[in-house]
Amino acid sequence: MALRKTELMRSIEARFGKPLEVLLPEILESYPTQREVAKAFGVHESTINYWLLRLGLRKETQMVSVAAEQEGTGT
């Protein structure tokens, strides 16, 4: 069964020209925190966490994000 995306998810995909499955991992590498990713998308940080969970990306991307925050490098 295909994931049903919300109107907000589809609007972010249209604005950036990529599906969230591709966009989120890429943008999480570019921004030091999920909070900054949320700000770039114009959504709340919890929305980013929810999308990662829904798209099955949470573990991989969150581990990268947490490691970057702990190192203080932001990348």
Protein backbone atom coordinates (compact mmCIF):
# COMPACT_ATOMS: atom_id res chain seq x y z
CA MET A 1 0.00 0.00 0.00
CA ALA A 2 1.40 3.39 -1.00
CA LEU A 3 1.86 6.09 1.59
CA ARG A 4 -0.87 8.70 1.49
CA LYS A 5 0.78 12.08 1.73
CA THR A 6 -0.84 15.10 3.29
CA GLU A 7 -1.46 18.32 1.39
CA LEU A 8 1.44 19.90 3.30
CA MET A 9 3.79 17.07 2.31
CA ARG A 10 2.79 17.46 -1.34
CA SER A 11 3.27 21.24 -1.21
CA ILE A 12 6.80 20.85 0.21
CA GLU A 13 7.60 18.34 -2.55
CA ALA A 14 6.28 20.74 -5.19
CA ARG A 15 8.24 23.67 -3.75
CA PHE A 16 11.54 21.76 -3.68
CA GLY A 17 10.90 19.61 -6.76
CA LYS A 18 11.70 16.30 -5.06
CA PRO A 19 9.80 13.65 -3.13
CA LEU A 20 10.21 13.86 0.65
CA GLU A 21 11.79 10.40 0.65
CA VAL A 22 14.73 11.92 -1.25
CA LEU A 23 14.56 15.48 0.05
CA LEU A 24 14.61 14.82 3.81
CA PRO A 25 17.86 12.80 3.95
CA GLU A 26 19.55 15.34 1.64
CA ILE A 27 18.44 18.38 3.60
CA LEU A 28 19.27 16.79 6.96
CA GLU A 29 22.87 16.51 5.75
CA SER A 30 22.86 20.22 4.84
CA TYR A 31 21.33 21.57 8.05
CA PRO A 32 22.85 20.92 11.48
CA THR A 33 19.55 20.23 13.28
CA GLN A 34 16.03 19.08 12.57
CA ARG A 35 14.88 22.40 14.03
CA GLU A 36 16.62 24.26 11.19
CA VAL A 37 15.17 21.87 8.63
CA ALA A 38 11.72 22.60 10.03
CA LYS A 39 12.38 26.34 9.81
CA ALA A 40 13.47 25.97 6.15
CA PHE A 41 10.24 24.07 5.38
CA GLY A 42 8.07 26.42 7.42
CA VAL A 43 6.79 23.65 9.69
CA HIS A 44 7.20 22.65 13.33
CA GLU A 45 10.11 20.41 14.33
CA SER A 46 7.67 17.70 15.42
CA THR A 47 6.32 17.63 11.85
CA ILE A 48 9.78 16.72 10.55
CA ASN A 49 10.04 13.93 13.13
CA TYR A 50 6.58 12.67 12.17
CA TRP A 51 7.43 12.67 8.47
CA LEU A 52 10.68 10.79 9.10
CA LEU A 53 8.72 8.19 11.04
CA ARG A 54 5.98 7.89 8.39
CA LEU A 55 8.52 7.59 5.58
CA GLY A 56 10.63 5.02 7.42
CA LEU A 57 13.63 7.36 7.53
CA ARG A 58 13.70 8.15 11.23
CA LYS A 59 16.45 5.83 12.47
CA GLU A 60 19.06 6.52 9.79
CA THR A 61 18.59 10.26 9.55
CA GLN A 62 18.10 10.80 13.26
CA MET A 63 21.35 8.97 14.03
CA VAL A 64 23.21 11.22 11.60
CA SER A 65 21.57 14.33 13.06
CA VAL A 66 22.26 13.35 16.67
CA ALA A 67 25.88 12.48 15.91
CA ALA A 68 26.41 15.86 14.25
CA GLU A 69 24.85 17.68 17.20
CA GLN A 70 27.03 15.78 19.69
CA GLU A 71 30.19 16.56 17.73
CA GLY A 72 29.14 20.17 17.52
CA THR A 73 30.14 20.26 13.86
CA GLY A 74 26.64 20.68 12.52
CA THR A 75 27.38 18.46 9.53
